[in-house]
Each structure stands twice: as structure tokens, then as C-alpha cells.
Amino acid sequence: MRLIALLILVLFVIAGVVVGALNADPVSYDLAFARVQLPKGAGLLLALMIGWLLGGLTAWLGMSLRHRRALRRHRASGNTPARA
């Protein structure tokens, strides 16, 4: 199973290198407070990483708030969780 995951990872790295090499033209981004010029591949990678981080943060916060709410309900009902 680890070998398959490693092979898939290597394939995605190779695909990323190819996409980056084929999209080496510089693109200018105007962010209203700064102007940045990056290669297309780097801009795509940066957008992907920001989306991945924001999605992970949103999922983590959603689960964390849900667990806190459940724990609060559990304590309000008079049951105290056993501590390990």
C-alpha cells in the first residue's frame, strides 16, 4: 500500500514539474496593495496551497466547534467524562 501511495506521489510531482515547465511565462497579479509577478506554474501552485490550507483550517474549526458543543451538552446533562 505504501508503494502505491509513493508511486502516486511521484506521478503527481512529475506532473507538477511538467505543468510548471510548460507554464513558465510570467504573469502579473495586482492585489490592490501590491503587484506581484510570478510564473504561471508558481501562481497555480500558490493558489492550490492557499486553498488547501484554508480548506483544512475550515474543516478543523468546524470539527473543533462541534466537539466543544457536544462536550458542553454532555457536561450540562450532569455526566462528567472519565479522565485517563
N, C-alpha and C. Protein backbone atom coordinates (compact mmCIF):
# COMPACT_ATOMS: atom_id res chain seq x y z
N MET A 1 0.82 -1.19 0.00
CA MET A 1 0.00 0.00 0.00
C MET A 1 0.87 1.26 0.00
N ARG A 2 1.96 1.24 0.77
CA ARG A 2 2.85 2.39 0.81
C ARG A 2 3.53 2.60 -0.55
N LEU A 3 3.83 1.51 -1.22
CA LEU A 3 4.46 1.62 -2.53
C LEU A 3 3.53 2.30 -3.52
N ILE A 4 2.25 1.94 -3.48
CA ILE A 4 1.28 2.56 -4.38
C ILE A 4 1.15 4.05 -4.07
N ALA A 5 1.08 4.41 -2.78
CA ALA A 5 0.99 5.82 -2.40
C ALA A 5 2.24 6.57 -2.84
N LEU A 6 3.40 5.96 -2.70
CA LEU A 6 4.65 6.60 -3.12
C LEU A 6 4.68 6.78 -4.64
N LEU A 7 4.22 5.80 -5.39
CA LEU A 7 4.17 5.92 -6.85
C LEU A 7 3.21 7.03 -7.29
N ILE A 8 2.06 7.12 -6.63
CA ILE A 8 1.10 8.18 -6.96
C ILE A 8 1.71 9.54 -6.64
N LEU A 9 2.40 9.66 -5.51
CA LEU A 9 3.06 10.90 -5.16
C LEU A 9 4.11 11.29 -6.19
N VAL A 10 4.89 10.34 -6.62
CA VAL A 10 5.92 10.61 -7.63
C VAL A 10 5.27 11.04 -8.94
N LEU A 11 4.16 10.42 -9.33
CA LEU A 11 3.47 10.82 -10.55
C LEU A 11 2.95 12.25 -10.46
N PHE A 12 2.41 12.63 -9.30
CA PHE A 12 1.93 14.00 -9.14
C PHE A 12 3.08 15.00 -9.13
N VAL A 13 4.21 14.64 -8.55
CA VAL A 13 5.38 15.53 -8.58
C VAL A 13 5.86 15.72 -10.01
N ILE A 14 5.93 14.64 -10.76
CA ILE A 14 6.34 14.74 -12.17
C ILE A 14 5.36 15.59 -12.96
N ALA A 15 4.06 15.38 -12.74
CA ALA A 15 3.05 16.19 -13.43
C ALA A 15 3.19 17.66 -13.05
N GLY A 16 3.48 17.94 -11.78
CA GLY A 16 3.67 19.32 -11.35
C GLY A 16 4.88 19.97 -11.99
N VAL A 17 5.95 19.23 -12.11
CA VAL A 17 7.15 19.75 -12.77
C VAL A 17 6.87 20.04 -14.24
N VAL A 18 6.15 19.14 -14.91
CA VAL A 18 5.83 19.33 -16.32
C VAL A 18 4.93 20.55 -16.50
N VAL A 19 3.89 20.68 -15.66
CA VAL A 19 2.99 21.83 -15.77
C VAL A 19 3.75 23.12 -15.49
N GLY A 20 4.63 23.11 -14.50
CA GLY A 20 5.43 24.29 -14.20
C GLY A 20 6.36 24.66 -15.33
N ALA A 21 6.95 23.66 -15.98
CA ALA A 21 7.86 23.93 -17.08
C ALA A 21 7.12 24.45 -18.31
N LEU A 22 5.92 23.93 -18.56
CA LEU A 22 5.16 24.37 -19.71
C LEU A 22 4.52 25.74 -19.52
N ASN A 23 4.37 26.17 -18.29
CA ASN A 23 3.75 27.45 -17.97
C ASN A 23 4.75 28.38 -17.28
N ALA A 24 5.88 28.60 -17.91
CA ALA A 24 6.93 29.40 -17.31
C ALA A 24 6.77 30.89 -17.61
N ASP A 25 5.78 31.27 -18.41
CA ASP A 25 5.58 32.68 -18.74
C ASP A 25 5.21 33.47 -17.49
N PRO A 26 5.79 34.65 -17.32
CA PRO A 26 5.44 35.45 -16.14
C PRO A 26 4.04 36.07 -16.27
N VAL A 27 3.35 36.12 -15.15
CA VAL A 27 2.02 36.71 -15.08
C VAL A 27 2.05 37.73 -13.95
N SER A 28 1.43 38.88 -14.18
CA SER A 28 1.38 39.92 -13.17
C SER A 28 0.06 39.85 -12.42
N TYR A 29 0.14 39.84 -11.09
CA TYR A 29 -1.04 39.81 -10.23
C TYR A 29 -1.12 41.14 -9.49
N ASP A 30 -2.28 41.81 -9.57
CA ASP A 30 -2.49 43.05 -8.85
C ASP A 30 -3.39 42.74 -7.67
N LEU A 31 -2.85 42.86 -6.44
CA LEU A 31 -3.58 42.51 -5.23
C LEU A 31 -4.13 43.73 -4.50
N ALA A 32 -4.24 44.86 -5.17
CA ALA A 32 -4.75 46.13 -4.66
C ALA A 32 -3.77 46.81 -3.71
N PHE A 33 -2.97 46.06 -2.99
CA PHE A 33 -1.97 46.68 -2.11
C PHE A 33 -0.56 46.33 -2.55
N ALA A 34 -0.43 45.44 -3.49
CA ALA A 34 0.88 45.06 -4.01
C ALA A 34 0.72 44.47 -5.41
N ARG A 35 1.75 44.57 -6.18
CA ARG A 35 1.77 43.97 -7.51
C ARG A 35 2.88 42.92 -7.53
N VAL A 36 2.50 41.70 -7.89
CA VAL A 36 3.43 40.58 -7.87
C VAL A 36 3.51 39.98 -9.26
N GLN A 37 4.71 39.62 -9.65
CA GLN A 37 4.90 38.96 -10.95
C GLN A 37 5.51 37.59 -10.69
N LEU A 38 4.76 36.55 -11.07
CA LEU A 38 5.17 35.16 -10.87
C LEU A 38 4.99 34.38 -12.16
N PRO A 39 5.71 33.27 -12.29
CA PRO A 39 5.41 32.36 -13.40
C PRO A 39 4.02 31.75 -13.21
N LYS A 40 3.38 31.38 -14.31
CA LYS A 40 2.02 30.81 -14.22
C LYS A 40 1.99 29.58 -13.32
N GLY A 41 2.96 28.72 -13.45
CA GLY A 41 3.01 27.49 -12.64
C GLY A 41 3.11 27.80 -11.16
N ALA A 42 3.93 28.79 -10.80
CA ALA A 42 4.08 29.16 -9.39
C ALA A 42 2.79 29.78 -8.86
N GLY A 43 2.12 30.59 -9.67
CA GLY A 43 0.85 31.17 -9.26
C GLY A 43 -0.20 30.10 -9.03
N LEU A 44 -0.23 29.10 -9.91
CA LEU A 44 -1.18 28.00 -9.77
C LEU A 44 -0.87 27.19 -8.51
N LEU A 45 0.39 26.91 -8.27
CA LEU A 45 0.80 26.17 -7.09
C LEU A 45 0.47 26.96 -5.81
N LEU A 46 0.72 28.26 -5.83
CA LEU A 46 0.41 29.10 -4.67
C LEU A 46 -1.09 29.12 -4.38
N ALA A 47 -1.90 29.25 -5.42
CA ALA A 47 -3.36 29.24 -5.24
C ALA A 47 -3.83 27.89 -4.71
N LEU A 48 -3.25 26.81 -5.19
CA LEU A 48 -3.60 25.47 -4.72
C LEU A 48 -3.24 25.31 -3.25
N MET A 49 -2.06 25.76 -2.85
CA MET A 49 -1.64 25.64 -1.46
C MET A 49 -2.50 26.49 -0.53
N ILE A 50 -2.84 27.70 -0.94
CA ILE A 50 -3.69 28.56 -0.12
C ILE A 50 -5.08 27.93 0.04
N GLY A 51 -5.63 27.40 -1.04
CA GLY A 51 -6.93 26.73 -0.96
C GLY A 51 -6.89 25.50 -0.08
N TRP A 52 -5.83 24.73 -0.15
CA TRP A 52 -5.67 23.54 0.67
C TRP A 52 -5.60 23.92 2.14
N LEU A 53 -4.81 24.95 2.45
CA LEU A 53 -4.68 25.40 3.84
C LEU A 53 -5.99 25.97 4.38
N LEU A 54 -6.67 26.79 3.60
CA LEU A 54 -7.94 27.35 4.05
C LEU A 54 -9.01 26.28 4.21
N GLY A 55 -9.05 25.32 3.32
CA GLY A 55 -9.99 24.21 3.43
C GLY A 55 -9.72 23.37 4.67
N GLY A 56 -8.45 23.08 4.93
CA GLY A 56 -8.09 22.32 6.12
C GLY A 56 -8.41 23.07 7.40
N LEU A 57 -8.15 24.38 7.41
CA LEU A 57 -8.46 25.20 8.57
C LEU A 57 -9.96 25.24 8.82
N THR A 58 -10.74 25.37 7.77
CA THR A 58 -12.20 25.39 7.89
C THR A 58 -12.72 24.06 8.43
N ALA A 59 -12.21 22.96 7.92
CA ALA A 59 -12.64 21.64 8.39
C ALA A 59 -12.25 21.44 9.85
N TRP A 60 -11.04 21.85 10.22
CA TRP A 60 -10.57 21.69 11.60
C TRP A 60 -11.42 22.52 12.56
N LEU A 61 -11.69 23.78 12.19
CA LEU A 61 -12.51 24.63 13.05
C LEU A 61 -13.92 24.09 13.18
N GLY A 62 -14.48 23.60 12.10
CA GLY A 62 -15.82 23.03 12.15
C GLY A 62 -15.91 21.83 13.08
N MET A 63 -14.95 20.94 13.00
CA MET A 63 -14.94 19.77 13.88
C MET A 63 -14.65 20.17 15.31
N SER A 64 -13.77 21.11 15.51
CA SER A 64 -13.41 21.55 16.86
C SER A 64 -14.62 22.17 17.55
N LEU A 65 -15.34 23.03 16.85
CA LEU A 65 -16.52 23.66 17.43
C LEU A 65 -17.61 22.63 17.73
N ARG A 66 -17.76 21.66 16.84
CA ARG A 66 -18.76 20.61 17.05
C ARG A 66 -18.42 19.78 18.29
N HIS A 67 -17.13 19.46 18.48
CA HIS A 67 -16.72 18.68 19.65
C HIS A 67 -16.91 19.48 20.94
N ARG A 68 -16.59 20.77 20.90
CA ARG A 68 -16.78 21.60 22.09
C ARG A 68 -18.26 21.69 22.46
N ARG A 69 -19.12 21.85 21.46
CA ARG A 69 -20.55 21.92 21.71
C ARG A 69 -21.06 20.61 22.31
N ALA A 70 -20.61 19.48 21.79
CA ALA A 70 -21.03 18.18 22.31
C ALA A 70 -20.52 17.99 23.74
N LEU A 71 -19.31 18.41 24.02
CA LEU A 71 -18.77 18.29 25.37
C LEU A 71 -19.54 19.18 26.35
N ARG A 72 -19.90 20.38 25.92
CA ARG A 72 -20.69 21.28 26.76
C ARG A 72 -22.06 20.67 27.07
N ARG A 73 -22.70 20.07 26.07
CA ARG A 73 -24.00 19.42 26.28
C ARG A 73 -23.87 18.24 27.23
N HIS A 74 -22.78 17.49 27.06
CA HIS A 74 -22.54 16.32 27.90
C HIS A 74 -22.34 16.74 29.36
N ARG A 75 -21.59 17.81 29.58
CA ARG A 75 -21.35 18.29 30.95
C ARG A 75 -22.63 18.89 31.55
N ALA A 76 -23.43 19.56 30.71
CA ALA A 76 -24.67 20.16 31.21
C ALA A 76 -25.68 19.10 31.64
N SER A 77 -25.61 17.93 31.06
CA SER A 77 -26.55 16.87 31.40
C SER A 77 -26.17 16.19 32.73
N GLY A 78 -25.04 16.56 33.30
CA GLY A 78 -24.63 16.01 34.59
C GLY A 78 -23.63 14.89 34.48
N ASN A 79 -23.35 14.43 33.30
CA ASN A 79 -22.33 13.39 33.11
C ASN A 79 -20.97 14.03 32.97
N THR A 80 -20.02 13.52 33.70
CA THR A 80 -18.65 14.02 33.55
C THR A 80 -17.82 12.94 32.89
N PRO A 81 -17.07 13.31 31.89
CA PRO A 81 -16.26 12.28 31.21
C PRO A 81 -15.13 11.80 32.12
N ALA A 82 -14.83 10.52 32.01
CA ALA A 82 -13.73 9.94 32.80
C ALA A 82 -12.41 10.41 32.22
N ARG A 83 -11.51 10.76 33.09
CA ARG A 83 -10.19 11.22 32.64
C ARG A 83 -9.22 10.05 32.66
N ALA A 84 -8.38 10.01 31.67
CA ALA A 84 -7.41 8.92 31.58
C ALA A 84 -6.14 9.29 32.32
